[in-house]
Amino acid sequence: MGVRRAPAPATASAAACAPAPATASAAAPSGEVVCGLCGSYALGEVIGEGTFAVVYRARSTTTGGAVAVKRLKQHESVFESTRARDELCALRRLAGNGRRPQNPNVVEVLDVAKDGEQVDLVLQLFEHCDFATALAERQFTAPHVNSYMRGLLRGLVHIHSLSFVHRDIKPTNVLYNFAERRALIVDFWL
């Protein structure tokens, strides 16, 4: 989602790999409620940031479940608002709108809100390790490479079957969870 994750802390094993904690300056105030979502989600720490959005770890105030909230940065450009709308349309179409099961290798949109110019996408939270760190620490064993590539290719087959082309496949846009051995394609801005 146009998101650059902070490098995960160095660990001795893949199972110990955890998301890097946000710095105090990057964290939203504890319990801040996302605007425009009728108080449905409380923001936590920043887990990623890119040119066009900031992604927060968040909690549903109704279910208590963990989610990711992608808060689009305010841009005055019509081009940027069009990109936000296009990503949302793409993600909704990829989810199948209830006509078929969600693909386990493509990020799922759970909720959307627009409050004035502020747009928030509520996405499934997917715990993963920083790709560069995992690679440097040689955590990608042959079975993990196999799982990563299988998930990437299954996600791409799903995307392409719906006449979409991602156009920005790179390690930061294909998240990987070592414990689940699952890859997840994110960031449909392009």
Protein backbone atom coordinates (compact mmCIF):
# COMPACT_ATOMS: atom_id res chain seq x y z
CA MET A 1 0.00 0.00 0.00
CA GLY A 2 2.74 2.40 -0.77
CA VAL A 3 4.13 1.58 2.61
CA ARG A 4 7.72 1.32 3.71
CA ARG A 5 8.05 -0.65 6.92
CA ALA A 6 10.72 0.18 9.42
CA PRO A 7 13.32 -2.61 9.52
CA ALA A 8 12.45 -5.30 12.01
CA PRO A 9 14.86 -5.81 14.89
CA ALA A 10 17.59 -8.38 14.33
CA THR A 11 16.55 -11.79 15.59
CA ALA A 12 18.10 -15.20 15.85
CA SER A 13 15.19 -17.04 14.26
CA ALA A 14 12.32 -16.47 11.88
CA ALA A 15 9.77 -17.28 14.57
CA ALA A 16 11.15 -14.48 16.72
CA CYS A 17 10.87 -11.90 13.94
CA ALA A 18 8.37 -9.23 14.98
CA PRO A 19 7.31 -5.87 13.60
CA ALA A 20 9.55 -3.02 14.64
CA PRO A 21 8.08 -0.84 17.36
CA ALA A 22 7.12 2.65 16.33
CA THR A 23 8.96 5.58 17.81
CA ALA A 24 7.08 7.84 20.18
CA SER A 25 6.93 10.59 17.57
CA ALA A 26 5.44 8.24 14.98
CA ALA A 27 2.78 6.75 17.23
CA ALA A 28 -0.74 8.07 17.29
CA PRO A 29 -2.01 9.08 20.72
CA SER A 30 -3.18 5.98 22.56
CA GLY A 31 -6.84 5.37 21.95
CA GLU A 32 -7.20 7.97 19.18
CA VAL A 33 -10.35 7.15 17.26
CA VAL A 34 -10.17 7.22 13.49
CA CYS A 35 -12.21 10.10 12.10
CA GLY A 36 -15.15 9.23 9.89
CA LEU A 37 -15.47 5.66 11.12
CA CYS A 38 -18.05 6.48 13.80
CA GLY A 39 -15.61 5.52 16.51
CA SER A 40 -15.26 2.01 15.13
CA TYR A 41 -11.45 1.83 15.24
CA ALA A 42 -8.87 3.04 17.73
CA LEU A 43 -5.46 3.79 16.23
CA GLY A 44 -2.27 2.37 17.68
CA GLU A 45 1.33 2.72 16.54
CA VAL A 46 2.46 3.51 13.02
CA ILE A 47 3.53 0.29 11.29
CA GLY A 48 4.37 1.77 7.89
CA GLU A 49 4.55 4.99 5.99
CA GLY A 50 4.90 5.87 2.35
CA THR A 51 4.53 8.88 0.10
CA PHE A 52 0.74 8.73 0.01
CA ALA A 53 -0.35 7.02 3.23
CA VAL A 54 0.42 6.13 6.83
CA VAL A 55 -0.56 2.67 8.07
CA TYR A 56 -1.50 2.19 11.72
CA ARG A 57 -2.03 -0.90 13.80
CA ALA A 58 -5.59 -0.43 15.06
CA ARG A 59 -8.27 -2.16 17.08
CA SER A 60 -11.96 -2.51 16.34
CA THR A 61 -13.85 -0.88 19.21
CA THR A 62 -16.79 -3.24 18.63
CA THR A 63 -15.03 -6.61 18.29
CA GLY A 64 -11.62 -5.86 19.79
CA GLY A 65 -10.00 -7.45 16.72
CA ALA A 66 -6.73 -6.15 15.32
CA VAL A 67 -6.75 -4.43 11.92
CA ALA A 68 -4.54 -2.14 9.86
CA VAL A 69 -5.82 1.34 9.02
CA LYS A 70 -4.32 2.93 5.93
CA ARG A 71 -4.84 6.67 6.37
CA LEU A 72 -4.31 8.45 3.08
CA LYS A 73 -2.27 11.63 3.38
CA GLN A 74 -3.95 14.85 2.41
CA HIS A 75 -2.98 15.93 -1.10
CA GLU A 76 -4.57 18.75 -3.00
CA SER A 77 -3.98 17.05 -6.32
CA VAL A 78 -6.95 15.60 -8.20
CA PHE A 79 -4.50 12.95 -9.43
CA GLU A 80 -3.92 11.73 -5.86
CA SER A 81 -7.63 11.52 -5.04
CA THR A 82 -8.14 9.57 -8.27
CA ARG A 83 -5.37 7.16 -7.24
CA ALA A 84 -7.06 6.60 -3.86
CA ARG A 85 -10.40 5.92 -5.55
CA ASP A 86 -8.72 3.58 -8.07
CA GLU A 87 -7.00 1.57 -5.32
CA LEU A 88 -10.25 1.20 -3.43
CA CYS A 89 -12.12 0.07 -6.57
CA ALA A 90 -9.36 -2.41 -7.39
CA LEU A 91 -9.34 -3.88 -3.89
CA ARG A 92 -13.12 -4.20 -3.82
CA ARG A 93 -13.12 -5.95 -7.19
CA LEU A 94 -10.29 -8.26 -6.15
CA ALA A 95 -12.25 -9.20 -3.01
CA GLY A 96 -15.05 -10.41 -5.25
CA ASN A 97 -17.79 -8.46 -3.47
CA GLY A 98 -19.01 -11.67 -1.81
CA ARG A 99 -19.38 -13.61 -5.07
CA ARG A 100 -16.29 -15.72 -4.42
CA PRO A 101 -13.93 -16.29 -1.48
CA GLN A 102 -11.23 -13.75 -0.77
CA ASN A 103 -7.87 -14.85 -2.14
CA PRO A 104 -5.54 -15.60 0.83
CA ASN A 105 -2.62 -13.98 -1.01
CA VAL A 106 -4.24 -10.58 -1.72
CA VAL A 107 -4.87 -8.00 1.02
CA GLU A 108 -8.51 -7.71 2.07
CA VAL A 109 -10.41 -4.44 2.57
CA LEU A 110 -12.63 -4.65 5.65
CA ASP A 111 -14.05 -1.12 5.78
CA VAL A 112 -13.72 2.28 4.13
CA ALA A 113 -14.49 5.76 5.37
CA LYS A 114 -14.31 9.25 3.97
CA ASP A 115 -14.64 12.23 6.28
CA GLY A 116 -14.35 15.39 4.23
CA GLU A 117 -11.06 14.98 2.42
CA GLN A 118 -9.75 12.29 4.81
CA VAL A 119 -9.91 8.72 3.44
CA ASP A 120 -9.21 5.67 5.61
CA LEU A 121 -9.00 2.08 4.39
CA VAL A 122 -9.37 -0.62 7.04
CA LEU A 123 -7.42 -3.68 5.95
CA GLN A 124 -6.67 -7.07 7.39
CA LEU A 125 -3.65 -6.90 9.69
CA PHE A 126 -0.92 -9.22 8.46
CA GLU A 127 2.04 -9.75 10.76
CA HIS A 128 5.21 -10.12 8.74
CA CYS A 129 8.96 -9.67 8.82
CA ASP A 130 10.93 -7.05 6.98
CA PHE A 131 12.08 -8.73 3.76
CA ALA A 132 15.59 -7.24 3.72
CA THR A 133 16.22 -8.21 7.34
CA ALA A 134 14.96 -11.75 6.82
CA LEU A 135 17.12 -12.09 3.71
CA ALA A 136 20.22 -10.73 5.47
CA GLU A 137 19.67 -13.12 8.38
CA ARG A 138 19.26 -16.05 5.96
CA GLN A 139 15.78 -16.85 7.27
CA PHE A 140 14.55 -17.78 3.80
CA THR A 141 15.17 -21.51 3.73
CA ALA A 142 14.18 -23.51 0.65
CA PRO A 143 10.69 -24.29 2.07
CA HIS A 144 10.15 -20.58 2.81
CA VAL A 145 11.24 -19.54 -0.68
CA ASN A 146 8.85 -22.16 -2.06
CA SER A 147 5.95 -20.83 0.10
CA TYR A 148 6.77 -17.20 -0.73
CA MET A 149 6.85 -17.84 -4.48
CA ARG A 150 3.73 -20.06 -4.41
CA GLY A 151 1.79 -17.33 -2.55
CA LEU A 152 3.07 -14.61 -4.85
CA LEU A 153 2.15 -16.57 -7.97
CA ARG A 154 -1.28 -17.60 -6.65
CA GLY A 155 -2.02 -13.97 -5.79
CA LEU A 156 -0.90 -12.82 -9.24
CA VAL A 157 -3.02 -15.47 -10.97
CA HIS A 158 -6.03 -14.18 -9.02
CA ILE A 159 -5.23 -10.54 -9.86
CA HIS A 160 -4.65 -11.29 -13.54
CA SER A 161 -7.80 -13.42 -13.81
CA LEU A 162 -9.75 -10.24 -12.98
CA SER A 163 -7.89 -8.26 -15.69
CA PHE A 164 -5.70 -6.33 -13.24
CA VAL A 165 -1.96 -5.82 -13.45
CA HIS A 166 -0.25 -4.85 -10.19
CA ARG A 167 2.67 -2.98 -11.85
CA ASP A 168 4.70 -2.64 -8.64
CA ILE A 169 5.59 -6.13 -7.45
CA LYS A 170 8.66 -5.85 -5.21
CA PRO A 171 9.65 -7.29 -1.83
CA THR A 172 8.06 -4.44 0.15
CA ASN A 173 4.72 -5.10 -1.59
CA VAL A 174 4.73 -8.86 -1.01
CA LEU A 175 4.59 -9.42 2.75
CA TYR A 176 5.63 -12.77 4.21
CA ASN A 177 4.76 -14.44 7.50
CA PHE A 178 7.30 -17.14 8.37
CA ALA A 179 5.13 -18.89 10.97
CA GLU A 180 2.16 -19.21 8.58
CA ARG A 181 4.38 -19.60 5.51
CA ARG A 182 2.09 -17.22 3.66
CA ALA A 183 2.71 -14.34 1.29
CA LEU A 184 0.31 -11.41 0.88
CA ILE A 185 0.30 -8.94 -2.02
CA VAL A 186 -0.38 -5.34 -0.98
CA ASP A 187 -0.28 -1.83 -2.47
CA PHE A 188 -2.44 -1.36 -5.54
CA TRP A 189 -1.73 2.36 -6.07
CA LEU A 190 -0.33 1.91 -9.55
